[in-house]
């Protein structure tokens, strides 16, 4: 395989300043809906979450976006996970939505703020029962001896909570990523891509500037 020979042209419509909303959240909602409507786009709510640990080592993982409003982008996780440990030290975070099928990307730069217990519980109780049990069974990011051991823990939790509602684990939480910069990228012919960066201003408004590809 010759990696340097793998290439393609980007042929979707370009992106122009006059087509953009003044508010990036509104612009994101439009693009997200279009990604959802493009049936060939797998997991349109999937985003790459990048954090940095105490040694300055970045790490990334794919997480699902679970809510969005003017305050930020919401996701949930085990509070003992690697990402949660990183955010406890440095709450600066980046989100990347790679919508390859429609030749678009969105990058969010911001800070992660923990959600209230009430907000976390509301979402947790809306999840399928199996997902709730999996949250109890997994000590996320910690070593496990085998798949069999993990499944045995899952079955143990299934028996433990066989009757009644499954309670919210005290090690399960969520974050709202409050953005201060959001970039919208649209693929263009001859690698002349269209990039626009929204930057939040002190008065709460957003400036918009075009970036070189």
C-alpha atoms as a PDB file:
ATOM      1  CA  UNK A   1       0.000   0.000   0.000  1.00  0.00           C
ATOM      2  CA  UNK A   2       1.369   3.403  -1.024  1.00  0.00           C
ATOM      3  CA  UNK A   3      -0.197   5.884   1.342  1.00  0.00           C
ATOM      4  CA  UNK A   4       1.019   8.891  -0.609  1.00  0.00           C
ATOM      5  CA  UNK A   5      -1.051   7.742  -3.602  1.00  0.00           C
ATOM      6  CA  UNK A   6      -4.347   7.657  -1.695  1.00  0.00           C
ATOM      7  CA  UNK A   7      -6.179  10.876  -2.524  1.00  0.00           C
ATOM      8  CA  UNK A   8      -9.479  12.222  -3.772  1.00  0.00           C
ATOM      9  CA  UNK A   9     -10.993  15.529  -4.756  1.00  0.00           C
ATOM     10  CA  UNK A  10     -13.546  17.345  -2.615  1.00  0.00           C
ATOM     11  CA  UNK A  11     -16.489  18.175  -4.834  1.00  0.00           C
ATOM     12  CA  UNK A  12     -19.295  19.336  -2.526  1.00  0.00           C
ATOM     13  CA  UNK A  13     -20.544  22.902  -2.583  1.00  0.00           C
ATOM     14  CA  UNK A  14     -18.219  25.479  -1.046  1.00  0.00           C
ATOM     15  CA  UNK A  15     -18.901  27.567   2.037  1.00  0.00           C
ATOM     16  CA  UNK A  16     -19.299  31.348   1.882  1.00  0.00           C
ATOM     17  CA  UNK A  17     -19.424  33.935   4.650  1.00  0.00           C
ATOM     18  CA  UNK A  18     -22.893  35.166   3.674  1.00  0.00           C
ATOM     19  CA  UNK A  19     -24.272  31.654   4.188  1.00  0.00           C
ATOM     20  CA  UNK A  20     -23.151  31.470   7.818  1.00  0.00           C
ATOM     21  CA  UNK A  21     -25.319  32.225  10.824  1.00  0.00           C
ATOM     22  CA  UNK A  22     -24.013  34.877  13.215  1.00  0.00           C
ATOM     23  CA  UNK A  23     -24.229  32.372  16.083  1.00  0.00           C
ATOM     24  CA  UNK A  24     -22.057  29.224  15.714  1.00  0.00           C
ATOM     25  CA  UNK A  25     -24.436  27.071  17.769  1.00  0.00           C
ATOM     26  CA  UNK A  26     -27.195  27.803  15.270  1.00  0.00           C
ATOM     27  CA  UNK A  27     -24.787  27.060  12.415  1.00  0.00           C
ATOM     28  CA  UNK A  28     -23.757  23.798  14.071  1.00  0.00           C
ATOM     29  CA  UNK A  29     -27.375  22.726  14.521  1.00  0.00           C
ATOM     30  CA  UNK A  30     -27.960  23.212  10.785  1.00  0.00           C
ATOM     31  CA  UNK A  31     -24.892  21.164   9.864  1.00  0.00           C
ATOM     32  CA  UNK A  32     -25.700  18.463  12.404  1.00  0.00           C
ATOM     33  CA  UNK A  33     -29.212  18.088  10.999  1.00  0.00           C
ATOM     34  CA  UNK A  34     -27.764  17.817   7.496  1.00  0.00           C
ATOM     35  CA  UNK A  35     -25.313  15.171   8.726  1.00  0.00           C
ATOM     36  CA  UNK A  36     -28.216  13.248  10.268  1.00  0.00           C
ATOM     37  CA  UNK A  37     -30.267  13.565   7.075  1.00  0.00           C
ATOM     38  CA  UNK A  38     -27.329  12.228   5.035  1.00  0.00           C
ATOM     39  CA  UNK A  39     -28.114   8.594   5.779  1.00  0.00           C
ATOM     40  CA  UNK A  40     -24.655   7.469   4.678  1.00  0.00           C
ATOM     41  CA  UNK A  41     -23.073   9.453   7.535  1.00  0.00           C
ATOM     42  CA  UNK A  42     -22.490   6.929  10.325  1.00  0.00           C
ATOM     43  CA  UNK A  43     -22.910   8.159  13.910  1.00  0.00           C
ATOM     44  CA  UNK A  44     -23.342  11.869  13.116  1.00  0.00           C
ATOM     45  CA  UNK A  45     -23.292  12.706  16.846  1.00  0.00           C
ATOM     46  CA  UNK A  46     -19.917  10.989  17.326  1.00  0.00           C
ATOM     47  CA  UNK A  47     -17.141  13.401  18.251  1.00  0.00           C
ATOM     48  CA  UNK A  48     -13.457  13.031  19.032  1.00  0.00           C
ATOM     49  CA  UNK A  49     -12.827  14.359  22.534  1.00  0.00           C
ATOM     50  CA  UNK A  50      -9.254  15.552  23.169  1.00  0.00           C
ATOM     51  CA  UNK A  51      -7.872  16.171  26.663  1.00  0.00           C
ATOM     52  CA  UNK A  52      -4.403  16.688  28.162  1.00  0.00           C
ATOM     53  CA  UNK A  53      -2.993  14.993  31.281  1.00  0.00           C
ATOM     54  CA  UNK A  54      -0.703  16.338  34.007  1.00  0.00           C
ATOM     55  CA  UNK A  55       2.387  15.518  31.924  1.00  0.00           C
ATOM     56  CA  UNK A  56       1.064  17.456  28.935  1.00  0.00           C
ATOM     57  CA  UNK A  57       0.275  14.270  26.989  1.00  0.00           C
ATOM     58  CA  UNK A  58      -2.816  14.674  24.783  1.00  0.00           C
ATOM     59  CA  UNK A  59      -5.243  11.794  24.371  1.00  0.00           C
ATOM     60  CA  UNK A  60      -8.343  11.315  22.249  1.00  0.00           C
ATOM     61  CA  UNK A  61     -11.397   9.097  22.181  1.00  0.00           C
ATOM     62  CA  UNK A  62     -14.782   9.031  20.452  1.00  0.00           C
ATOM     63  CA  UNK A  63     -17.780  10.034  22.560  1.00  0.00           C
ATOM     64  CA  UNK A  64     -21.394  10.718  21.585  1.00  0.00           C
ATOM     65  CA  UNK A  65     -22.872  14.218  21.821  1.00  0.00           C
ATOM     66  CA  UNK A  66     -25.980  13.940  23.986  1.00  0.00           C
ATOM     67  CA  UNK A  67     -27.284  17.491  24.186  1.00  0.00           C
ATOM     68  CA  UNK A  68     -26.605  20.934  22.769  1.00  0.00           C
ATOM     69  CA  UNK A  69     -27.803  24.392  23.710  1.00  0.00           C
ATOM     70  CA  UNK A  70     -26.447  27.930  23.871  1.00  0.00           C
ATOM     71  CA  UNK A  71     -24.468  26.973  26.987  1.00  0.00           C
ATOM     72  CA  UNK A  72     -22.483  24.162  25.405  1.00  0.00           C
ATOM     73  CA  UNK A  73     -21.987  20.643  24.060  1.00  0.00           C
ATOM     74  CA  UNK A  74     -22.941  17.866  26.503  1.00  0.00           C
ATOM     75  CA  UNK A  75     -21.515  14.369  26.980  1.00  0.00           C
ATOM     76  CA  UNK A  76     -21.521  11.808  29.797  1.00  0.00           C
ATOM     77  CA  UNK A  77     -18.836   9.511  31.161  1.00  0.00           C
ATOM     78  CA  UNK A  78     -17.519   7.528  34.117  1.00  0.00           C
ATOM     79  CA  UNK A  79     -15.856  10.055  36.436  1.00  0.00           C
ATOM     80  CA  UNK A  80     -13.001   7.618  36.999  1.00  0.00           C
ATOM     81  CA  UNK A  81     -12.208   7.498  33.276  1.00  0.00           C
ATOM     82  CA  UNK A  82      -9.026   8.839  31.721  1.00  0.00           C
ATOM     83  CA  UNK A  83     -10.833  11.828  30.216  1.00  0.00           C
ATOM     84  CA  UNK A  84     -12.437  12.737  33.543  1.00  0.00           C
ATOM     85  CA  UNK A  85      -9.084  12.481  35.332  1.00  0.00           C
ATOM     86  CA  UNK A  86      -7.524  14.756  32.713  1.00  0.00           C
ATOM     87  CA  UNK A  87     -10.346  17.290  32.998  1.00  0.00           C
ATOM     88  CA  UNK A  88      -9.991  17.389  36.784  1.00  0.00           C
ATOM     89  CA  UNK A  89      -6.458  18.716  36.231  1.00  0.00           C
ATOM     90  CA  UNK A  90      -7.020  20.794  33.102  1.00  0.00           C
ATOM     91  CA  UNK A  91     -10.569  21.482  31.948  1.00  0.00           C
ATOM     92  CA  UNK A  92      -9.519  22.811  28.542  1.00  0.00           C
ATOM     93  CA  UNK A  93     -10.917  20.508  25.870  1.00  0.00           C
ATOM     94  CA  UNK A  94     -11.376  20.133  22.119  1.00  0.00           C
ATOM     95  CA  UNK A  95     -14.178  18.372  20.238  1.00  0.00           C
ATOM     96  CA  UNK A  96     -13.919  17.260  16.614  1.00  0.00           C
ATOM     97  CA  UNK A  97     -16.876  16.198  14.456  1.00  0.00           C
ATOM     98  CA  UNK A  98     -15.492  14.374  11.358  1.00  0.00           C
ATOM     99  CA  UNK A  99     -18.335  14.248   8.858  1.00  0.00           C
ATOM    100  CA  UNK A 100     -16.255  12.741   6.035  1.00  0.00           C
ATOM    101  CA  UNK A 101     -19.230  11.660   3.934  1.00  0.00           C
ATOM    102  CA  UNK A 102     -20.389  15.239   3.437  1.00  0.00           C
ATOM    103  CA  UNK A 103     -16.838  16.648   3.340  1.00  0.00           C
ATOM    104  CA  UNK A 104     -17.212  18.686   6.510  1.00  0.00           C
ATOM    105  CA  UNK A 105     -15.527  19.041   9.868  1.00  0.00           C
ATOM    106  CA  UNK A 106     -16.313  21.086  12.964  1.00  0.00           C
ATOM    107  CA  UNK A 107     -13.772  21.729  15.728  1.00  0.00           C
ATOM    108  CA  UNK A 108     -14.856  23.109  19.090  1.00  0.00           C
ATOM    109  CA  UNK A 109     -12.390  24.690  21.527  1.00  0.00           C
ATOM    110  CA  UNK A 110     -13.581  25.309  25.066  1.00  0.00           C
ATOM    111  CA  UNK A 111     -13.696  24.393  28.715  1.00  0.00           C
ATOM    112  CA  UNK A 112     -15.535  21.439  30.271  1.00  0.00           C
ATOM    113  CA  UNK A 113     -17.822  22.209  33.192  1.00  0.00           C
ATOM    114  CA  UNK A 114     -19.285  19.349  35.296  1.00  0.00           C
ATOM    115  CA  UNK A 115     -23.047  18.944  35.096  1.00  0.00           C
ATOM    116  CA  UNK A 116     -25.276  18.933  38.152  1.00  0.00           C
ATOM    117  CA  UNK A 117     -26.230  15.605  39.719  1.00  0.00           C
ATOM    118  CA  UNK A 118     -29.849  16.286  38.740  1.00  0.00           C
ATOM    119  CA  UNK A 119     -28.922  16.717  35.054  1.00  0.00           C
ATOM    120  CA  UNK A 120     -26.787  13.567  35.110  1.00  0.00           C
ATOM    121  CA  UNK A 121     -29.510  11.523  36.828  1.00  0.00           C
ATOM    122  CA  UNK A 122     -32.143  12.697  34.359  1.00  0.00           C
ATOM    123  CA  UNK A 123     -30.091  11.437  31.429  1.00  0.00           C
ATOM    124  CA  UNK A 124     -28.925   8.231  33.156  1.00  0.00           C
ATOM    125  CA  UNK A 125     -32.492   7.176  33.921  1.00  0.00           C
ATOM    126  CA  UNK A 126     -33.452   7.731  30.263  1.00  0.00           C
ATOM    127  CA  UNK A 127     -30.853   5.213  29.035  1.00  0.00           C
ATOM    128  CA  UNK A 128     -31.742   1.606  28.115  1.00  0.00           C
ATOM    129  CA  UNK A 129     -31.489  -0.724  31.114  1.00  0.00           C
ATOM    130  CA  UNK A 130     -28.561  -2.613  29.570  1.00  0.00           C
ATOM    131  CA  UNK A 131     -26.611   0.638  29.202  1.00  0.00           C
ATOM    132  CA  UNK A 132     -27.310   1.497  32.839  1.00  0.00           C
ATOM    133  CA  UNK A 133     -26.037  -1.923  33.901  1.00  0.00           C
ATOM    134  CA  UNK A 134     -22.937  -1.532  31.727  1.00  0.00           C
ATOM    135  CA  UNK A 135     -22.142   1.727  33.523  1.00  0.00           C
ATOM    136  CA  UNK A 136     -22.209  -0.112  36.840  1.00  0.00           C
ATOM    137  CA  UNK A 137     -20.172  -3.038  35.478  1.00  0.00           C
ATOM    138  CA  UNK A 138     -17.326  -1.064  33.905  1.00  0.00           C
ATOM    139  CA  UNK A 139     -14.508   0.525  35.885  1.00  0.00           C
ATOM    140  CA  UNK A 140     -13.710   2.609  32.813  1.00  0.00           C
ATOM    141  CA  UNK A 141     -10.062   2.921  31.751  1.00  0.00           C
ATOM    142  CA  UNK A 142      -8.892   0.462  34.428  1.00  0.00           C
ATOM    143  CA  UNK A 143      -7.327  -2.943  33.572  1.00  0.00           C
ATOM    144  CA  UNK A 144      -9.605  -5.988  33.389  1.00  0.00           C
ATOM    145  CA  UNK A 145      -8.316  -9.552  33.264  1.00  0.00           C
ATOM    146  CA  UNK A 146     -10.562 -10.757  30.429  1.00  0.00           C
ATOM    147  CA  UNK A 147     -13.768 -10.224  28.486  1.00  0.00           C
ATOM    148  CA  UNK A 148     -15.235 -13.069  30.522  1.00  0.00           C
ATOM    149  CA  UNK A 149     -14.531 -11.215  33.768  1.00  0.00           C
ATOM    150  CA  UNK A 150     -16.236  -8.101  32.421  1.00  0.00           C
ATOM    151  CA  UNK A 151     -19.305 -10.064  31.358  1.00  0.00           C
ATOM    152  CA  UNK A 152     -19.447 -11.800  34.742  1.00  0.00           C
ATOM    153  CA  UNK A 153     -19.513  -8.405  36.454  1.00  0.00           C
ATOM    154  CA  UNK A 154     -22.293  -7.338  34.099  1.00  0.00           C
ATOM    155  CA  UNK A 155     -24.326 -10.433  35.021  1.00  0.00           C
ATOM    156  CA  UNK A 156     -23.706  -9.771  38.704  1.00  0.00           C
ATOM    157  CA  UNK A 157     -25.066  -6.250  38.319  1.00  0.00           C
ATOM    158  CA  UNK A 158     -28.026  -7.571  36.356  1.00  0.00           C
ATOM    159  CA  UNK A 159     -28.891  -9.865  39.270  1.00  0.00           C
ATOM    160  CA  UNK A 160     -28.259  -7.148  41.866  1.00  0.00           C
ATOM    161  CA  UNK A 161     -30.652  -4.719  40.195  1.00  0.00           C
ATOM    162  CA  UNK A 162     -33.169  -7.276  38.929  1.00  0.00           C
ATOM    163  CA  UNK A 163     -36.001  -5.574  40.802  1.00  0.00           C
ATOM    164  CA  UNK A 164     -36.806  -1.891  40.621  1.00  0.00           C
ATOM    165  CA  UNK A 165     -34.988   1.042  39.064  1.00  0.00           C
ATOM    166  CA  UNK A 166     -31.232   1.059  38.626  1.00  0.00           C
ATOM    167  CA  UNK A 167     -29.752   3.904  40.697  1.00  0.00           C
ATOM    168  CA  UNK A 168     -27.294   6.474  39.409  1.00  0.00           C
ATOM    169  CA  UNK A 169     -23.721   5.344  40.174  1.00  0.00           C
ATOM    170  CA  UNK A 170     -21.777   7.864  42.269  1.00  0.00           C
ATOM    171  CA  UNK A 171     -18.928   7.486  39.749  1.00  0.00           C
ATOM    172  CA  UNK A 172     -20.954   8.545  36.698  1.00  0.00           C
ATOM    173  CA  UNK A 173     -21.240  12.144  35.515  1.00  0.00           C
ATOM    174  CA  UNK A 174     -21.316  14.522  32.609  1.00  0.00           C
ATOM    175  CA  UNK A 175     -19.850  17.719  31.204  1.00  0.00           C
ATOM    176  CA  UNK A 176     -20.970  20.742  29.263  1.00  0.00           C
ATOM    177  CA  UNK A 177     -18.254  22.020  26.952  1.00  0.00           C
ATOM    178  CA  UNK A 178     -18.553  25.810  26.898  1.00  0.00           C
ATOM    179  CA  UNK A 179     -16.971  26.964  23.611  1.00  0.00           C
ATOM    180  CA  UNK A 180     -14.834  30.039  23.024  1.00  0.00           C
ATOM    181  CA  UNK A 181     -13.851  29.124  19.443  1.00  0.00           C
ATOM    182  CA  UNK A 182     -15.607  26.974  16.819  1.00  0.00           C
ATOM    183  CA  UNK A 183     -14.229  26.222  13.348  1.00  0.00           C
ATOM    184  CA  UNK A 184     -16.347  25.112  10.379  1.00  0.00           C
ATOM    185  CA  UNK A 185     -14.472  23.361   7.552  1.00  0.00           C
ATOM    186  CA  UNK A 186     -15.892  22.544   4.132  1.00  0.00           C
ATOM    187  CA  UNK A 187     -13.827  20.576   1.625  1.00  0.00           C
ATOM    188  CA  UNK A 188     -12.976  22.361  -1.636  1.00  0.00           C
ATOM    189  CA  UNK A 189     -11.521  21.525  -5.022  1.00  0.00           C
ATOM    190  CA  UNK A 190      -7.725  21.467  -5.411  1.00  0.00           C
ATOM    191  CA  UNK A 191      -7.393  21.421  -1.589  1.00  0.00           C
ATOM    192  CA  UNK A 192      -8.662  25.017  -1.465  1.00  0.00           C
ATOM    193  CA  UNK A 193     -10.938  24.242   1.460  1.00  0.00           C
ATOM    194  CA  UNK A 194     -13.257  26.785   3.067  1.00  0.00           C
ATOM    195  CA  UNK A 195     -12.571  27.420   6.766  1.00  0.00           C
ATOM    196  CA  UNK A 196     -14.320  29.870   9.065  1.00  0.00           C
ATOM    197  CA  UNK A 197     -13.460  30.475  12.715  1.00  0.00           C
ATOM    198  CA  UNK A 198     -15.958  31.871  15.202  1.00  0.00           C
ATOM    199  CA  UNK A 199     -14.342  33.547  18.241  1.00  0.00           C
ATOM    200  CA  UNK A 200     -16.400  34.563  21.261  1.00  0.00           C
ATOM    201  CA  UNK A 201     -16.059  38.212  22.263  1.00  0.00           C
ATOM    202  CA  UNK A 202     -16.142  39.727  25.787  1.00  0.00           C
ATOM    203  CA  UNK A 203     -19.711  40.968  25.217  1.00  0.00           C
ATOM    204  CA  UNK A 204     -20.916  37.465  24.300  1.00  0.00           C
ATOM    205  CA  UNK A 205     -21.119  38.066  20.556  1.00  0.00           C
ATOM    206  CA  UNK A 206     -19.079  36.101  18.001  1.00  0.00           C
ATOM    207  CA  UNK A 207     -16.579  37.370  15.438  1.00  0.00           C
ATOM    208  CA  UNK A 208     -16.113  35.366  12.228  1.00  0.00           C
ATOM    209  CA  UNK A 209     -13.002  35.222  10.076  1.00  0.00           C
ATOM    210  CA  UNK A 210     -11.995  33.149   7.079  1.00  0.00           C
ATOM    211  CA  UNK A 211      -8.858  31.039   7.485  1.00  0.00           C
ATOM    212  CA  UNK A 212      -6.455  29.855   4.827  1.00  0.00           C
ATOM    213  CA  UNK A 213      -6.926  26.168   3.995  1.00  0.00           C
END
